[in-house]
Amino acid sequence: MARRSFEERNIRVLMRFAKRSFAITLPIEVVRDLGWQEHQRIRIRRAGRRIVIEEDRGTL
């Protein structure tokens, strides 16, 4: 099977995680470019019809 193009790799599927949660996976290239690691604290917010995922720089 041929490798998928960059645009095709960025198409993700929304998965049911539990009764009240959903999950998506992030491309490893994006996570590495941002310098994020496992258990990284992130903030999720809505901006119109978009979802913004950003690093949480707050204190624990």
N, C-alpha and C. Protein backbone atom coordinates (compact mmCIF):
# COMPACT_ATOMS: atom_id res chain seq x y z
N MET A 1 0.85 -1.17 0.00
CA MET A 1 0.00 0.00 0.00
C MET A 1 0.90 1.24 0.00
N ALA A 2 0.57 2.21 -0.82
CA ALA A 2 1.35 3.45 -0.91
C ALA A 2 1.07 4.34 0.30
N ARG A 3 2.05 5.17 0.60
CA ARG A 3 1.86 6.13 1.70
C ARG A 3 0.85 7.17 1.30
N ARG A 4 0.10 7.63 2.28
CA ARG A 4 -0.91 8.66 2.02
C ARG A 4 -0.24 10.03 1.96
N SER A 5 -0.82 10.94 1.20
CA SER A 5 -0.27 12.29 1.11
C SER A 5 -0.48 13.02 2.43
N PHE A 6 0.22 14.14 2.60
CA PHE A 6 0.13 14.92 3.83
C PHE A 6 -1.31 15.36 4.09
N GLU A 7 -2.02 15.78 3.05
CA GLU A 7 -3.40 16.22 3.21
C GLU A 7 -4.29 15.07 3.68
N GLU A 8 -4.09 13.88 3.13
CA GLU A 8 -4.89 12.72 3.52
C GLU A 8 -4.58 12.28 4.94
N ARG A 9 -3.34 12.45 5.38
CA ARG A 9 -2.98 12.06 6.75
C ARG A 9 -3.62 12.98 7.77
N ASN A 10 -3.99 14.18 7.37
CA ASN A 10 -4.58 15.13 8.30
C ASN A 10 -6.09 15.00 8.40
N ILE A 11 -6.69 14.07 7.70
CA ILE A 11 -8.12 13.80 7.85
C ILE A 11 -8.27 12.76 8.95
N ARG A 12 -9.01 13.10 9.99
CA ARG A 12 -9.15 12.24 11.17
C ARG A 12 -10.60 11.84 11.38
N VAL A 13 -10.80 10.79 12.16
CA VAL A 13 -12.13 10.27 12.45
C VAL A 13 -12.44 10.54 13.91
N LEU A 14 -13.64 11.01 14.17
CA LEU A 14 -14.11 11.24 15.54
C LEU A 14 -14.56 9.90 16.11
N MET A 15 -13.98 9.50 17.25
CA MET A 15 -14.28 8.20 17.85
C MET A 15 -14.96 8.38 19.19
N ARG A 16 -15.89 7.50 19.50
CA ARG A 16 -16.54 7.50 20.81
C ARG A 16 -15.55 6.89 21.80
N PHE A 17 -15.27 7.62 22.90
CA PHE A 17 -14.30 7.17 23.89
C PHE A 17 -15.00 6.59 25.11
N ALA A 18 -16.06 7.18 25.51
CA ALA A 18 -16.89 6.72 26.63
C ALA A 18 -18.30 7.21 26.34
N LYS A 19 -19.20 7.04 27.28
CA LYS A 19 -20.57 7.47 27.01
C LYS A 19 -20.68 8.97 26.76
N ARG A 20 -19.81 9.75 27.38
CA ARG A 20 -19.93 11.21 27.29
C ARG A 20 -18.72 11.88 26.65
N SER A 21 -17.82 11.12 26.06
CA SER A 21 -16.60 11.70 25.50
C SER A 21 -16.34 11.19 24.09
N PHE A 22 -15.62 12.00 23.35
CA PHE A 22 -15.16 11.63 22.03
C PHE A 22 -13.65 11.85 21.99
N ALA A 23 -12.98 11.22 21.04
CA ALA A 23 -11.53 11.34 20.94
C ALA A 23 -11.13 11.42 19.47
N ILE A 24 -10.02 12.10 19.22
CA ILE A 24 -9.37 12.09 17.91
C ILE A 24 -7.89 11.88 18.16
N THR A 25 -7.20 11.40 17.15
CA THR A 25 -5.75 11.30 17.25
C THR A 25 -5.14 12.48 16.50
N LEU A 26 -3.98 12.91 16.95
CA LEU A 26 -3.27 14.01 16.30
C LEU A 26 -2.10 13.43 15.51
N PRO A 27 -1.79 14.00 14.36
CA PRO A 27 -0.65 13.51 13.59
C PRO A 27 0.64 13.66 14.40
N ILE A 28 1.48 12.64 14.39
CA ILE A 28 2.72 12.66 15.17
C ILE A 28 3.62 13.82 14.74
N GLU A 29 3.59 14.18 13.45
CA GLU A 29 4.42 15.29 12.97
C GLU A 29 4.04 16.59 13.67
N VAL A 30 2.74 16.80 13.88
CA VAL A 30 2.26 18.02 14.53
C VAL A 30 2.68 18.03 15.99
N VAL A 31 2.51 16.91 16.68
CA VAL A 31 2.87 16.82 18.09
C VAL A 31 4.37 17.06 18.27
N ARG A 32 5.18 16.46 17.41
CA ARG A 32 6.64 16.65 17.51
C ARG A 32 7.03 18.09 17.21
N ASP A 33 6.42 18.69 16.18
CA ASP A 33 6.74 20.08 15.83
C ASP A 33 6.41 21.04 16.98
N LEU A 34 5.34 20.75 17.72
CA LEU A 34 4.95 21.59 18.85
C LEU A 34 5.76 21.29 20.11
N GLY A 35 6.51 20.19 20.11
CA GLY A 35 7.30 19.83 21.28
C GLY A 35 6.46 19.26 22.41
N TRP A 36 5.27 18.76 22.07
CA TRP A 36 4.39 18.20 23.09
C TRP A 36 4.82 16.79 23.43
N GLN A 37 4.49 16.36 24.65
CA GLN A 37 4.84 15.02 25.12
C GLN A 37 3.60 14.36 25.70
N GLU A 38 3.73 13.08 26.01
CA GLU A 38 2.64 12.36 26.64
C GLU A 38 2.27 13.04 27.96
N HIS A 39 1.01 13.12 28.27
CA HIS A 39 0.45 13.76 29.46
C HIS A 39 0.59 15.28 29.43
N GLN A 40 0.85 15.85 28.26
CA GLN A 40 0.94 17.30 28.10
C GLN A 40 -0.41 17.92 28.44
N ARG A 41 -0.39 18.99 29.23
CA ARG A 41 -1.63 19.70 29.54
C ARG A 41 -1.95 20.61 28.37
N ILE A 42 -3.17 20.48 27.86
CA ILE A 42 -3.61 21.32 26.75
C ILE A 42 -4.95 21.95 27.09
N ARG A 43 -5.25 23.02 26.43
CA ARG A 43 -6.52 23.73 26.63
C ARG A 43 -7.30 23.62 25.32
N ILE A 44 -8.59 23.34 25.44
CA ILE A 44 -9.47 23.20 24.28
C ILE A 44 -10.54 24.27 24.37
N ARG A 45 -10.74 25.00 23.27
CA ARG A 45 -11.79 26.02 23.27
C ARG A 45 -12.44 26.07 21.89
N ARG A 46 -13.64 26.58 21.87
CA ARG A 46 -14.36 26.76 20.62
C ARG A 46 -14.12 28.16 20.09
N ALA A 47 -13.98 28.26 18.78
CA ALA A 47 -13.87 29.54 18.10
C ALA A 47 -14.82 29.47 16.91
N GLY A 48 -16.06 29.85 17.13
CA GLY A 48 -17.07 29.69 16.08
C GLY A 48 -17.35 28.22 15.87
N ARG A 49 -17.17 27.76 14.64
CA ARG A 49 -17.38 26.34 14.34
C ARG A 49 -16.06 25.56 14.33
N ARG A 50 -15.03 26.11 14.93
CA ARG A 50 -13.72 25.45 14.99
C ARG A 50 -13.38 25.09 16.42
N ILE A 51 -12.47 24.15 16.57
CA ILE A 51 -11.93 23.77 17.87
C ILE A 51 -10.46 24.17 17.87
N VAL A 52 -10.04 24.89 18.90
CA VAL A 52 -8.64 25.30 19.03
C VAL A 52 -8.02 24.50 20.16
N ILE A 53 -6.90 23.84 19.87
CA ILE A 53 -6.16 23.07 20.87
C ILE A 53 -4.84 23.79 21.07
N GLU A 54 -4.57 24.22 22.31
CA GLU A 54 -3.33 24.94 22.58
C GLU A 54 -2.73 24.49 23.90
N GLU A 55 -1.45 24.73 24.02
CA GLU A 55 -0.73 24.36 25.23
C GLU A 55 -1.28 25.15 26.42
N ASP A 56 -1.47 24.47 27.55
CA ASP A 56 -1.93 25.13 28.76
C ASP A 56 -0.71 25.63 29.51
N ARG A 57 -0.56 26.93 29.60
CA ARG A 57 0.60 27.50 30.27
C ARG A 57 0.30 27.90 31.70
N GLY A 58 -0.87 27.50 32.21
CA GLY A 58 -1.26 27.80 33.58
C GLY A 58 -0.49 26.94 34.58
N THR A 59 -0.65 27.25 35.85
CA THR A 59 0.01 26.47 36.89
C THR A 59 -0.87 25.32 37.32
N LEU A 60 -0.25 24.31 37.88
CA LEU A 60 -1.01 23.13 38.32
C LEU A 60 -1.73 23.38 39.59
